[in-house]
PDB file of N, CA and C in Angstrom:
ATOM      1  N   UNK A   1      -3.757  36.403 -85.257  1.00  0.00           N
ATOM      2  CA  UNK A   1      -2.768  35.363 -85.197  1.00  0.00           C
ATOM      3  C   UNK A   1      -3.051  34.362 -86.311  1.00  0.00           C
ATOM      4  N   UNK A   2      -2.023  33.844 -86.898  1.00  0.00           N
ATOM      5  CA  UNK A   2      -2.127  32.885 -87.996  1.00  0.00           C
ATOM      6  C   UNK A   2      -1.480  31.578 -87.537  1.00  0.00           C
ATOM      7  N   UNK A   3      -2.170  30.440 -87.750  1.00  0.00           N
ATOM      8  CA  UNK A   3      -1.644  29.145 -87.321  1.00  0.00           C
ATOM      9  C   UNK A   3      -1.800  28.117 -88.430  1.00  0.00           C
ATOM     10  N   UNK A   4      -0.796  27.269 -88.593  1.00  0.00           N
ATOM     11  CA  UNK A   4      -0.868  26.146 -89.522  1.00  0.00           C
ATOM     12  C   UNK A   4      -1.481  24.963 -88.776  1.00  0.00           C
ATOM     13  N   UNK A   5      -2.389  24.254 -89.428  1.00  0.00           N
ATOM     14  CA  UNK A   5      -3.081  23.124 -88.808  1.00  0.00           C
ATOM     15  C   UNK A   5      -2.765  21.848 -89.575  1.00  0.00           C
ATOM     16  N   UNK A   6      -2.680  20.744 -88.860  1.00  0.00           N
ATOM     17  CA  UNK A   6      -2.469  19.431 -89.468  1.00  0.00           C
ATOM     18  C   UNK A   6      -3.330  18.428 -88.714  1.00  0.00           C
ATOM     19  N   UNK A   7      -3.930  17.490 -89.446  1.00  0.00           N
ATOM     20  CA  UNK A   7      -4.783  16.496 -88.802  1.00  0.00           C
ATOM     21  C   UNK A   7      -5.209  15.434 -89.794  1.00  0.00           C
ATOM     22  N   UNK A   8      -6.332  14.790 -89.492  1.00  0.00           N
ATOM     23  CA  UNK A   8      -6.879  13.737 -90.337  1.00  0.00           C
ATOM     24  C   UNK A   8      -8.312  14.056 -90.701  1.00  0.00           C
ATOM     25  N   UNK A   9      -8.708  13.616 -91.875  1.00  0.00           N
ATOM     26  CA  UNK A   9     -10.094  13.750 -92.315  1.00  0.00           C
ATOM     27  C   UNK A   9     -10.970  12.904 -91.386  1.00  0.00           C
ATOM     28  N   UNK A  10     -12.086  13.431 -90.968  1.00  0.00           N
ATOM     29  CA  UNK A  10     -12.975  12.720 -90.049  1.00  0.00           C
ATOM     30  C   UNK A  10     -13.677  11.541 -90.717  1.00  0.00           C
ATOM     31  N   UNK A  11     -13.715  11.502 -92.037  1.00  0.00           N
ATOM     32  CA  UNK A  11     -14.410  10.417 -92.738  1.00  0.00           C
ATOM     33  C   UNK A  11     -13.458   9.353 -93.273  1.00  0.00           C
ATOM     34  N   UNK A  12     -12.380   9.748 -93.956  1.00  0.00           N
ATOM     35  CA  UNK A  12     -11.514   8.760 -94.608  1.00  0.00           C
ATOM     36  C   UNK A  12     -10.154   8.615 -93.935  1.00  0.00           C
ATOM     37  N   UNK A  13      -9.853   9.440 -92.949  1.00  0.00           N
ATOM     38  CA  UNK A  13      -8.616   9.399 -92.171  1.00  0.00           C
ATOM     39  C   UNK A  13      -7.364   9.778 -92.960  1.00  0.00           C
ATOM     40  N   UNK A  14      -7.523  10.386 -94.134  1.00  0.00           N
ATOM     41  CA  UNK A  14      -6.373  10.899 -94.876  1.00  0.00           C
ATOM     42  C   UNK A  14      -5.809  12.114 -94.144  1.00  0.00           C
ATOM     43  N   UNK A  15      -4.506  12.305 -94.258  1.00  0.00           N
ATOM     44  CA  UNK A  15      -3.878  13.475 -93.646  1.00  0.00           C
ATOM     45  C   UNK A  15      -4.343  14.733 -94.369  1.00  0.00           C
ATOM     46  N   UNK A  16      -4.509  15.807 -93.618  1.00  0.00           N
ATOM     47  CA  UNK A  16      -4.876  17.082 -94.225  1.00  0.00           C
ATOM     48  C   UNK A  16      -4.203  18.218 -93.493  1.00  0.00           C
ATOM     49  N   UNK A  17      -4.034  19.307 -94.198  1.00  0.00           N
ATOM     50  CA  UNK A  17      -3.448  20.514 -93.617  1.00  0.00           C
ATOM     51  C   UNK A  17      -4.350  21.693 -93.942  1.00  0.00           C
ATOM     52  N   UNK A  18      -4.291  22.692 -93.105  1.00  0.00           N
ATOM     53  CA  UNK A  18      -5.114  23.880 -93.292  1.00  0.00           C
ATOM     54  C   UNK A  18      -4.449  25.021 -92.540  1.00  0.00           C
ATOM     55  N   UNK A  19      -5.043  26.172 -92.608  1.00  0.00           N
ATOM     56  CA  UNK A  19      -4.557  27.336 -91.885  1.00  0.00           C
ATOM     57  C   UNK A  19      -5.727  27.995 -91.183  1.00  0.00           C
ATOM     58  N   UNK A  20      -5.448  28.630 -90.055  1.00  0.00           N
ATOM     59  CA  UNK A  20      -6.493  29.325 -89.302  1.00  0.00           C
ATOM     60  C   UNK A  20      -5.995  30.709 -88.907  1.00  0.00           C
ATOM     61  N   UNK A  21      -6.872  31.672 -89.016  1.00  0.00           N
ATOM     62  CA  UNK A  21      -6.595  33.024 -88.531  1.00  0.00           C
ATOM     63  C   UNK A  21      -7.475  33.260 -87.319  1.00  0.00           C
ATOM     64  N   UNK A  22      -6.851  33.644 -86.222  1.00  0.00           N
ATOM     65  CA  UNK A  22      -7.558  33.809 -84.954  1.00  0.00           C
ATOM     66  C   UNK A  22      -7.259  35.195 -84.411  1.00  0.00           C
ATOM     67  N   UNK A  23      -8.299  35.859 -83.947  1.00  0.00           N
ATOM     68  CA  UNK A  23      -8.114  37.161 -83.306  1.00  0.00           C
ATOM     69  C   UNK A  23      -8.101  36.969 -81.798  1.00  0.00           C
ATOM     70  N   UNK A  24      -7.172  37.645 -81.148  1.00  0.00           N
ATOM     71  CA  UNK A  24      -7.041  37.546 -79.698  1.00  0.00           C
ATOM     72  C   UNK A  24      -7.266  38.912 -79.066  1.00  0.00           C
ATOM     73  N   UNK A  25      -7.959  38.916 -77.966  1.00  0.00           N
ATOM     74  CA  UNK A  25      -8.060  40.116 -77.138  1.00  0.00           C
ATOM     75  C   UNK A  25      -8.230  39.642 -75.704  1.00  0.00           C
ATOM     76  N   UNK A  26      -7.367  40.106 -74.861  1.00  0.00           N
ATOM     77  CA  UNK A  26      -7.364  39.639 -73.478  1.00  0.00           C
ATOM     78  C   UNK A  26      -6.998  40.797 -72.571  1.00  0.00           C
ATOM     79  N   UNK A  27      -7.572  40.798 -71.412  1.00  0.00           N
ATOM     80  CA  UNK A  27      -7.282  41.818 -70.409  1.00  0.00           C
ATOM     81  C   UNK A  27      -6.319  41.218 -69.396  1.00  0.00           C
ATOM     82  N   UNK A  28      -5.227  41.949 -69.102  1.00  0.00           N
ATOM     83  CA  UNK A  28      -4.262  41.530 -68.098  1.00  0.00           C
ATOM     84  C   UNK A  28      -4.266  42.545 -66.964  1.00  0.00           C
ATOM     85  N   UNK A  29      -4.089  42.073 -65.770  1.00  0.00           N
ATOM     86  CA  UNK A  29      -4.067  42.966 -64.613  1.00  0.00           C
ATOM     87  C   UNK A  29      -2.623  43.292 -64.232  1.00  0.00           C
ATOM     88  N   UNK A  30      -2.318  44.588 -64.162  1.00  0.00           N
ATOM     89  CA  UNK A  30      -1.005  45.028 -63.695  1.00  0.00           C
ATOM     90  C   UNK A  30      -0.944  44.906 -62.180  1.00  0.00           C
ATOM     91  N   UNK A  31       0.238  44.639 -61.636  1.00  0.00           N
ATOM     92  CA  UNK A  31       0.370  44.565 -60.175  1.00  0.00           C
ATOM     93  C   UNK A  31      -0.006  45.904 -59.526  1.00  0.00           C
ATOM     94  N   UNK A  32      -0.683  45.823 -58.412  1.00  0.00           N
ATOM     95  CA  UNK A  32      -1.090  46.981 -57.617  1.00  0.00           C
ATOM     96  C   UNK A  32      -2.045  47.912 -58.366  1.00  0.00           C
ATOM     97  N   UNK A  33      -2.761  47.395 -59.349  1.00  0.00           N
ATOM     98  CA  UNK A  33      -3.758  48.207 -60.048  1.00  0.00           C
ATOM     99  C   UNK A  33      -5.131  47.948 -59.432  1.00  0.00           C
ATOM    100  N   UNK A  34      -6.097  48.747 -59.799  1.00  0.00           N
ATOM    101  CA  UNK A  34      -7.462  48.552 -59.315  1.00  0.00           C
ATOM    102  C   UNK A  34      -7.987  47.196 -59.787  1.00  0.00           C
ATOM    103  N   UNK A  35      -7.687  46.837 -61.017  1.00  0.00           N
ATOM    104  CA  UNK A  35      -8.114  45.543 -61.556  1.00  0.00           C
ATOM    105  C   UNK A  35      -7.491  44.406 -60.763  1.00  0.00           C
ATOM    106  N   UNK A  36      -6.235  44.529 -60.416  1.00  0.00           N
ATOM    107  CA  UNK A  36      -5.549  43.503 -59.638  1.00  0.00           C
ATOM    108  C   UNK A  36      -6.186  43.345 -58.265  1.00  0.00           C
ATOM    109  N   UNK A  37      -6.583  44.454 -57.669  1.00  0.00           N
ATOM    110  CA  UNK A  37      -7.151  44.427 -56.314  1.00  0.00           C
ATOM    111  C   UNK A  37      -8.605  43.961 -56.301  1.00  0.00           C
ATOM    112  N   UNK A  38      -9.324  44.157 -57.391  1.00  0.00           N
ATOM    113  CA  UNK A  38     -10.763  43.845 -57.388  1.00  0.00           C
ATOM    114  C   UNK A  38     -11.124  42.528 -58.077  1.00  0.00           C
ATOM    115  N   UNK A  39     -10.133  41.815 -58.570  1.00  0.00           N
ATOM    116  CA  UNK A  39     -10.408  40.523 -59.217  1.00  0.00           C
ATOM    117  C   UNK A  39      -9.643  39.412 -58.525  1.00  0.00           C
ATOM    118  N   UNK A  40     -10.197  38.211 -58.610  1.00  0.00           N
ATOM    119  CA  UNK A  40      -9.517  37.042 -58.051  1.00  0.00           C
ATOM    120  C   UNK A  40      -8.322  36.670 -58.921  1.00  0.00           C
ATOM    121  N   UNK A  41      -7.403  35.933 -58.314  1.00  0.00           N
ATOM    122  CA  UNK A  41      -6.172  35.532 -59.006  1.00  0.00           C
ATOM    123  C   UNK A  41      -6.456  34.691 -60.249  1.00  0.00           C
ATOM    124  N   UNK A  42      -7.478  33.829 -60.186  1.00  0.00           N
ATOM    125  CA  UNK A  42      -7.780  32.957 -61.322  1.00  0.00           C
ATOM    126  C   UNK A  42      -8.768  33.582 -62.308  1.00  0.00           C
ATOM    127  N   UNK A  43      -9.233  34.781 -62.006  1.00  0.00           N
ATOM    128  CA  UNK A  43     -10.202  35.449 -62.871  1.00  0.00           C
ATOM    129  C   UNK A  43      -9.548  36.109 -64.087  1.00  0.00           C
ATOM    130  N   UNK A  44      -8.407  36.743 -63.893  1.00  0.00           N
ATOM    131  CA  UNK A  44      -7.671  37.427 -64.956  1.00  0.00           C
ATOM    132  C   UNK A  44      -6.201  37.070 -64.874  1.00  0.00           C
ATOM    133  N   UNK A  45      -5.554  36.938 -66.038  1.00  0.00           N
ATOM    134  CA  UNK A  45      -4.107  36.727 -65.999  1.00  0.00           C
ATOM    135  C   UNK A  45      -3.406  38.001 -65.524  1.00  0.00           C
ATOM    136  N   UNK A  46      -2.253  37.839 -64.956  1.00  0.00           N
ATOM    137  CA  UNK A  46      -1.512  38.968 -64.382  1.00  0.00           C
ATOM    138  C   UNK A  46      -0.249  39.254 -65.183  1.00  0.00           C
ATOM    139  N   UNK A  47       0.173  40.506 -65.153  1.00  0.00           N
ATOM    140  CA  UNK A  47       1.463  40.920 -65.706  1.00  0.00           C
ATOM    141  C   UNK A  47       2.484  40.672 -64.599  1.00  0.00           C
ATOM    142  N   UNK A  48       3.521  39.883 -64.935  1.00  0.00           N
ATOM    143  CA  UNK A  48       4.556  39.563 -63.949  1.00  0.00           C
ATOM    144  C   UNK A  48       5.891  39.988 -64.523  1.00  0.00           C
ATOM    145  N   UNK A  49       6.554  40.895 -63.845  1.00  0.00           N
ATOM    146  CA  UNK A  49       7.855  41.417 -64.290  1.00  0.00           C
ATOM    147  C   UNK A  49       7.798  41.937 -65.726  1.00  0.00           C
ATOM    148  N   UNK A  50       6.741  42.674 -66.042  1.00  0.00           N
ATOM    149  CA  UNK A  50       6.512  43.264 -67.364  1.00  0.00           C
ATOM    150  C   UNK A  50       6.357  42.210 -68.475  1.00  0.00           C
ATOM    151  N   UNK A  51       6.030  40.972 -68.105  1.00  0.00           N
ATOM    152  CA  UNK A  51       5.803  39.897 -69.075  1.00  0.00           C
ATOM    153  C   UNK A  51       4.410  39.312 -68.873  1.00  0.00           C
ATOM    154  N   UNK A  52       3.821  38.811 -69.957  1.00  0.00           N
ATOM    155  CA  UNK A  52       2.520  38.143 -69.864  1.00  0.00           C
ATOM    156  C   UNK A  52       2.641  36.739 -70.454  1.00  0.00           C
ATOM    157  N   UNK A  53       1.964  35.798 -69.858  1.00  0.00           N
ATOM    158  CA  UNK A  53       1.954  34.418 -70.346  1.00  0.00           C
ATOM    159  C   UNK A  53       0.708  34.247 -71.207  1.00  0.00           C
ATOM    160  N   UNK A  54       0.893  34.066 -72.498  1.00  0.00           N
ATOM    161  CA  UNK A  54      -0.229  33.967 -73.428  1.00  0.00           C
ATOM    162  C   UNK A  54      -0.468  32.537 -73.918  1.00  0.00           C
ATOM    163  N   UNK A  55       0.249  31.569 -73.381  1.00  0.00           N
ATOM    164  CA  UNK A  55       0.133  30.195 -73.868  1.00  0.00           C
ATOM    165  C   UNK A  55      -1.302  29.676 -73.800  1.00  0.00           C
ATOM    166  N   UNK A  56      -1.941  29.770 -72.662  1.00  0.00           N
ATOM    167  CA  UNK A  56      -3.309  29.253 -72.511  1.00  0.00           C
ATOM    168  C   UNK A  56      -4.300  30.046 -73.368  1.00  0.00           C
ATOM    169  N   UNK A  57      -4.102  31.325 -73.487  1.00  0.00           N
ATOM    170  CA  UNK A  57      -4.990  32.172 -74.281  1.00  0.00           C
ATOM    171  C   UNK A  57      -4.913  31.789 -75.760  1.00  0.00           C
ATOM    172  N   UNK A  58      -3.700  31.590 -76.263  1.00  0.00           N
ATOM    173  CA  UNK A  58      -3.513  31.199 -77.665  1.00  0.00           C
ATOM    174  C   UNK A  58      -4.089  29.808 -77.892  1.00  0.00           C
ATOM    175  N   UNK A  59      -3.807  28.869 -76.989  1.00  0.00           N
ATOM    176  CA  UNK A  59      -4.314  27.505 -77.137  1.00  0.00           C
ATOM    177  C   UNK A  59      -5.844  27.500 -77.178  1.00  0.00           C
ATOM    178  N   UNK A  60      -6.475  28.213 -76.272  1.00  0.00           N
ATOM    179  CA  UNK A  60      -7.941  28.259 -76.239  1.00  0.00           C
ATOM    180  C   UNK A  60      -8.512  28.853 -77.526  1.00  0.00           C
ATOM    181  N   UNK A  61      -7.911  29.923 -78.019  1.00  0.00           N
ATOM    182  CA  UNK A  61      -8.413  30.575 -79.236  1.00  0.00           C
ATOM    183  C   UNK A  61      -8.273  29.663 -80.453  1.00  0.00           C
ATOM    184  N   UNK A  62      -7.151  28.965 -80.566  1.00  0.00           N
ATOM    185  CA  UNK A  62      -6.936  28.083 -81.717  1.00  0.00           C
ATOM    186  C   UNK A  62      -7.878  26.888 -81.643  1.00  0.00           C
ATOM    187  N   UNK A  63      -8.042  26.297 -80.473  1.00  0.00           N
ATOM    188  CA  UNK A  63      -8.936  25.140 -80.330  1.00  0.00           C
ATOM    189  C   UNK A  63     -10.372  25.517 -80.678  1.00  0.00           C
ATOM    190  N   UNK A  64     -10.812  26.689 -80.286  1.00  0.00           N
ATOM    191  CA  UNK A  64     -12.169  27.123 -80.624  1.00  0.00           C
ATOM    192  C   UNK A  64     -12.332  27.391 -82.112  1.00  0.00           C
ATOM    193  N   UNK A  65     -11.246  27.681 -82.817  1.00  0.00           N
ATOM    194  CA  UNK A  65     -11.319  27.940 -84.253  1.00  0.00           C
ATOM    195  C   UNK A  65     -11.279  26.655 -85.081  1.00  0.00           C
ATOM    196  N   UNK A  66     -10.923  25.530 -84.461  1.00  0.00           N
ATOM    197  CA  UNK A  66     -10.825  24.269 -85.196  1.00  0.00           C
ATOM    198  C   UNK A  66     -12.208  23.741 -85.555  1.00  0.00           C
ATOM    199  N   UNK A  67     -12.331  23.116 -86.724  1.00  0.00           N
ATOM    200  CA  UNK A  67     -13.614  22.488 -87.075  1.00  0.00           C
ATOM    201  C   UNK A  67     -13.831  21.236 -86.222  1.00  0.00           C
ATOM    202  N   UNK A  68     -15.084  20.928 -85.913  1.00  0.00           N
ATOM    203  CA  UNK A  68     -15.374  19.740 -85.107  1.00  0.00           C
ATOM    204  C   UNK A  68     -15.051  18.463 -85.860  1.00  0.00           C
ATOM    205  N   UNK A  69     -15.324  18.423 -87.145  1.00  0.00           N
ATOM    206  CA  UNK A  69     -15.053  17.248 -87.979  1.00  0.00           C
ATOM    207  C   UNK A  69     -14.390  17.717 -89.270  1.00  0.00           C
ATOM    208  N   UNK A  70     -13.054  17.855 -89.282  1.00  0.00           N
ATOM    209  CA  UNK A  70     -12.382  18.327 -90.493  1.00  0.00           C
ATOM    210  C   UNK A  70     -12.494  17.305 -91.620  1.00  0.00           C
ATOM    211  N   UNK A  71     -12.713  17.798 -92.829  1.00  0.00           N
ATOM    212  CA  UNK A  71     -12.850  16.927 -93.993  1.00  0.00           C
ATOM    213  C   UNK A  71     -11.796  17.290 -95.027  1.00  0.00           C
ATOM    214  N   UNK A  72     -11.291  16.265 -95.752  1.00  0.00           N
ATOM    215  CA  UNK A  72     -10.319  16.524 -96.816  1.00  0.00           C
ATOM    216  C   UNK A  72     -10.986  17.244 -97.975  1.00  0.00           C
ATOM    217  N   UNK A  73     -12.253  16.960 -98.201  1.00  0.00           N
ATOM    218  CA  UNK A  73     -13.078  17.683 -99.177  1.00  0.00           C
ATOM    219  C   UNK A  73     -14.535  17.517 -98.745  1.00  0.00           C
ATOM    220  N   UNK A  74     -15.380  18.416 -99.150  1.00  0.00           N
ATOM    221  CA  UNK A  74     -16.761  18.423 -98.646  1.00  0.00           C
ATOM    222  C   UNK A  74     -17.558  17.190 -99.051  1.00  0.00           C
ATOM    223  N   UNK A  75     -17.199  16.557-100.176  1.00  0.00           N
ATOM    224  CA  UNK A  75     -17.941  15.380-100.621  1.00  0.00           C
ATOM    225  C   UNK A  75     -17.178  14.079-100.358  1.00  0.00           C
ATOM    226  N   UNK A  76     -16.315  14.056 -99.357  1.00  0.00           N
ATOM    227  CA  UNK A  76     -15.531  12.865 -99.022  1.00  0.00           C
ATOM    228  C   UNK A  76     -16.479  11.719 -98.664  1.00  0.00           C
ATOM    229  N   UNK A  77     -16.387  10.572 -99.361  1.00  0.00           N
ATOM    230  CA  UNK A  77     -17.313   9.471 -99.095  1.00  0.00           C
ATOM    231  C   UNK A  77     -16.982   8.668 -97.846  1.00  0.00           C
ATOM    232  N   UNK A  78     -15.768   8.774 -97.332  1.00  0.00           N
ATOM    233  CA  UNK A  78     -15.404   8.078 -96.103  1.00  0.00           C
ATOM    234  C   UNK A  78     -14.927   6.658 -96.342  1.00  0.00           C
ATOM    235  N   UNK A  79     -15.134   5.805 -95.339  1.00  0.00           N
ATOM    236  CA  UNK A  79     -14.677   4.425 -95.367  1.00  0.00           C
ATOM    237  C   UNK A  79     -15.851   3.468 -95.428  1.00  0.00           C
ATOM    238  N   UNK A  80     -15.627   2.295 -96.032  1.00  0.00           N
ATOM    239  CA  UNK A  80     -16.636   1.237 -96.032  1.00  0.00           C
ATOM    240  C   UNK A  80     -16.747   0.715 -94.596  1.00  0.00           C
ATOM    241  N   UNK A  81     -17.938   0.664 -94.021  1.00  0.00           N
ATOM    242  CA  UNK A  81     -18.073   0.223 -92.630  1.00  0.00           C
ATOM    243  C   UNK A  81     -17.768  -1.259 -92.430  1.00  0.00           C
ATOM    244  N   UNK A  82     -17.794  -2.059 -93.496  1.00  0.00           N
ATOM    245  CA  UNK A  82     -17.546  -3.493 -93.350  1.00  0.00           C
ATOM    246  C   UNK A  82     -16.069  -3.855 -93.471  1.00  0.00           C
ATOM    247  N   UNK A  83     -15.374  -3.311 -94.484  1.00  0.00           N
ATOM    248  CA  UNK A  83     -13.979  -3.709 -94.703  1.00  0.00           C
ATOM    249  C   UNK A  83     -12.984  -2.615 -94.330  1.00  0.00           C
ATOM    250  N   UNK A  84     -13.431  -1.380 -94.134  1.00  0.00           N
ATOM    251  CA  UNK A  84     -12.548  -0.299 -93.738  1.00  0.00           C
ATOM    252  C   UNK A  84     -11.757   0.340 -94.866  1.00  0.00           C
ATOM    253  N   UNK A  85     -11.996  -0.063 -96.092  1.00  0.00           N
ATOM    254  CA  UNK A  85     -11.316   0.546 -97.239  1.00  0.00           C
ATOM    255  C   UNK A  85     -11.997   1.873 -97.590  1.00  0.00           C
ATOM    256  N   UNK A  86     -11.226   2.754 -98.251  1.00  0.00           N
ATOM    257  CA  UNK A  86     -11.788   4.047 -98.653  1.00  0.00           C
ATOM    258  C   UNK A  86     -12.771   3.841 -99.803  1.00  0.00           C
ATOM    259  N   UNK A  87     -13.967   4.429 -99.671  1.00  0.00           N
ATOM    260  CA  UNK A  87     -14.980   4.323-100.727  1.00  0.00           C
ATOM    261  C   UNK A  87     -14.458   4.876-102.044  1.00  0.00           C
ATOM    262  N   UNK A  88     -13.623   5.897-102.007  1.00  0.00           N
ATOM    263  CA  UNK A  88     -13.099   6.509-103.231  1.00  0.00           C
ATOM    264  C   UNK A  88     -12.230   5.537-104.015  1.00  0.00           C
ATOM    265  N   UNK A  89     -11.604   4.572-103.334  1.00  0.00           N
ATOM    266  CA  UNK A  89     -10.719   3.607-103.993  1.00  0.00           C
ATOM    267  C   UNK A  89     -11.435   2.324-104.408  1.00  0.00           C
ATOM    268  N   UNK A  90     -12.672   2.144-103.992  1.00  0.00           N
ATOM    269  CA  UNK A  90     -13.408   0.905-104.266  1.00  0.00           C
ATOM    270  C   UNK A  90     -14.221   1.009-105.550  1.00  0.00           C
ATOM    271  N   UNK A  91     -14.510  -0.143-106.128  1.00  0.00           N
ATOM    272  CA  UNK A  91     -15.334  -0.193-107.337  1.00  0.00           C
ATOM    273  C   UNK A  91     -16.761   0.260-107.011  1.00  0.00           C
ATOM    274  N   UNK A  92     -17.476   0.792-108.000  1.00  0.00           N
ATOM    275  CA  UNK A  92     -18.848   1.257-107.755  1.00  0.00           C
ATOM    276  C   UNK A  92     -19.789   0.148-107.280  1.00  0.00           C
ATOM    277  N   UNK A  93     -19.506  -1.100-107.679  1.00  0.00           N
ATOM    278  CA  UNK A  93     -20.389  -2.199-107.274  1.00  0.00           C
ATOM    279  C   UNK A  93     -19.917  -2.877-105.991  1.00  0.00           C
ATOM    280  N   UNK A  94     -19.010  -2.231-105.252  1.00  0.00           N
ATOM    281  CA  UNK A  94     -18.482  -2.818-104.013  1.00  0.00           C
ATOM    282  C   UNK A  94     -19.606  -3.040-103.005  1.00  0.00           C
ATOM    283  N   UNK A  95     -19.601  -4.187-102.389  1.00  0.00           N
ATOM    284  CA  UNK A  95     -20.599  -4.490-101.367  1.00  0.00           C
ATOM    285  C   UNK A  95     -20.183  -5.721-100.588  1.00  0.00           C
ATOM    286  N   UNK A  96     -20.883  -5.977 -99.533  1.00  0.00           N
ATOM    287  CA  UNK A  96     -20.612  -7.135 -98.688  1.00  0.00           C
ATOM    288  C   UNK A  96     -21.913  -7.881 -98.462  1.00  0.00           C
ATOM    289  N   UNK A  97     -21.833  -9.204 -98.474  1.00  0.00           N
ATOM    290  CA  UNK A  97     -23.017 -10.016 -98.219  1.00  0.00           C
ATOM    291  C   UNK A  97     -23.357  -9.895 -96.741  1.00  0.00           C
ATOM    292  N   UNK A  98     -24.569  -9.520 -96.474  1.00  0.00           N
ATOM    293  CA  UNK A  98     -25.003  -9.446 -95.083  1.00  0.00           C
ATOM    294  C   UNK A  98     -25.968 -10.586 -94.819  1.00  0.00           C
ATOM    295  N   UNK A  99     -25.715 -11.272 -93.743  1.00  0.00           N
ATOM    296  CA  UNK A  99     -26.532 -12.424 -93.372  1.00  0.00           C
ATOM    297  C   UNK A  99     -27.233 -12.100 -92.072  1.00  0.00           C
ATOM    298  N   UNK A 100     -28.511 -12.334 -92.051  1.00  0.00           N
ATOM    299  CA  UNK A 100     -29.275 -12.133 -90.832  1.00  0.00           C
ATOM    300  C   UNK A 100     -28.674 -13.035 -89.750  1.00  0.00           C
ATOM    301  N   UNK A 101     -28.313 -12.480 -88.595  1.00  0.00           N
ATOM    302  CA  UNK A 101     -27.664 -13.285 -87.551  1.00  0.00           C
ATOM    303  C   UNK A 101     -28.519 -14.470 -87.085  1.00  0.00           C
ATOM    304  N   UNK A 102     -29.828 -14.398 -87.288  1.00  0.00           N
ATOM    305  CA  UNK A 102     -30.688 -15.507 -86.877  1.00  0.00           C
ATOM    306  C   UNK A 102     -30.461 -16.738 -87.755  1.00  0.00           C
ATOM    307  N   UNK A 103     -29.944 -16.531 -88.978  1.00  0.00           N
ATOM    308  CA  UNK A 103     -29.701 -17.633 -89.902  1.00  0.00           C
ATOM    309  C   UNK A 103     -28.246 -18.086 -89.897  1.00  0.00           C
ATOM    310  N   UNK A 104     -27.368 -17.432 -89.164  1.00  0.00           N
ATOM    311  CA  UNK A 104     -25.943 -17.743 -89.181  1.00  0.00           C
ATOM    312  C   UNK A 104     -25.663 -19.183 -88.759  1.00  0.00           C
ATOM    313  N   UNK A 105     -26.331 -19.670 -87.730  1.00  0.00           N
ATOM    314  CA  UNK A 105     -26.097 -21.045 -87.262  1.00  0.00           C
ATOM    315  C   UNK A 105     -26.506 -22.050 -88.335  1.00  0.00           C
ATOM    316  N   UNK A 106     -27.618 -21.812 -89.003  1.00  0.00           N
ATOM    317  CA  UNK A 106     -28.077 -22.721 -90.051  1.00  0.00           C
ATOM    318  C   UNK A 106     -27.099 -22.720 -91.224  1.00  0.00           C
ATOM    319  N   UNK A 107     -26.562 -21.562 -91.579  1.00  0.00           N
ATOM    320  CA  UNK A 107     -25.608 -21.477 -92.686  1.00  0.00           C
ATOM    321  C   UNK A 107     -24.347 -22.272 -92.353  1.00  0.00           C
ATOM    322  N   UNK A 108     -23.906 -22.207 -91.118  1.00  0.00           N
ATOM    323  CA  UNK A 108     -22.735 -22.970 -90.681  1.00  0.00           C
ATOM    324  C   UNK A 108     -22.951 -24.460 -90.785  1.00  0.00           C
ATOM    325  N   UNK A 109     -24.124 -24.912 -90.461  1.00  0.00           N
ATOM    326  CA  UNK A 109     -24.426 -26.356 -90.540  1.00  0.00           C
ATOM    327  C   UNK A 109     -24.526 -26.823 -91.991  1.00  0.00           C
ATOM    328  N   UNK A 110     -25.085 -25.987 -92.853  1.00  0.00           N
ATOM    329  CA  UNK A 110     -25.250 -26.365 -94.255  1.00  0.00           C
ATOM    330  C   UNK A 110     -23.911 -26.357 -95.000  1.00  0.00           C
ATOM    331  N   UNK A 111     -23.021 -25.457 -94.675  1.00  0.00           N
ATOM    332  CA  UNK A 111     -21.759 -25.390 -95.383  1.00  0.00           C
ATOM    333  C   UNK A 111     -20.777 -26.467 -94.905  1.00  0.00           C
ATOM    334  N   UNK A 112     -21.031 -27.091 -93.760  1.00  0.00           N
ATOM    335  CA  UNK A 112     -20.137 -28.144 -93.245  1.00  0.00           C
ATOM    336  C   UNK A 112     -20.315 -29.431 -94.031  1.00  0.00           C
ATOM    337  N   UNK A 113     -21.449 -29.646 -94.673  1.00  0.00           N
ATOM    338  CA  UNK A 113     -21.697 -30.897 -95.407  1.00  0.00           C
ATOM    339  C   UNK A 113     -20.954 -30.964 -96.695  1.00  0.00           C
TER     340      UNK A 113
END
């Protein structure tokens, strides 16, 4: 089975598309067969009126084929944790002043003067 995939990069949140090929193999129990008589109803899917419901089987196979953290490219730098901008769009010298929280109150008092 072939499926088109669409989602977001796990690092920079850009939209991405991909394709997945999934192989399916499933056993169905025919009515009044030995398999039907020896298995529980929820153990195997059943053939009903010469039709089979493959929705759950296809969904499970595609979900298992999906990457846990899809990336737009393998070297995606992601987002700046302080401002949320994409690292790829920021200047190389981009940075944020970090202040030790223990000194924050003193900085507030000094800047008020």
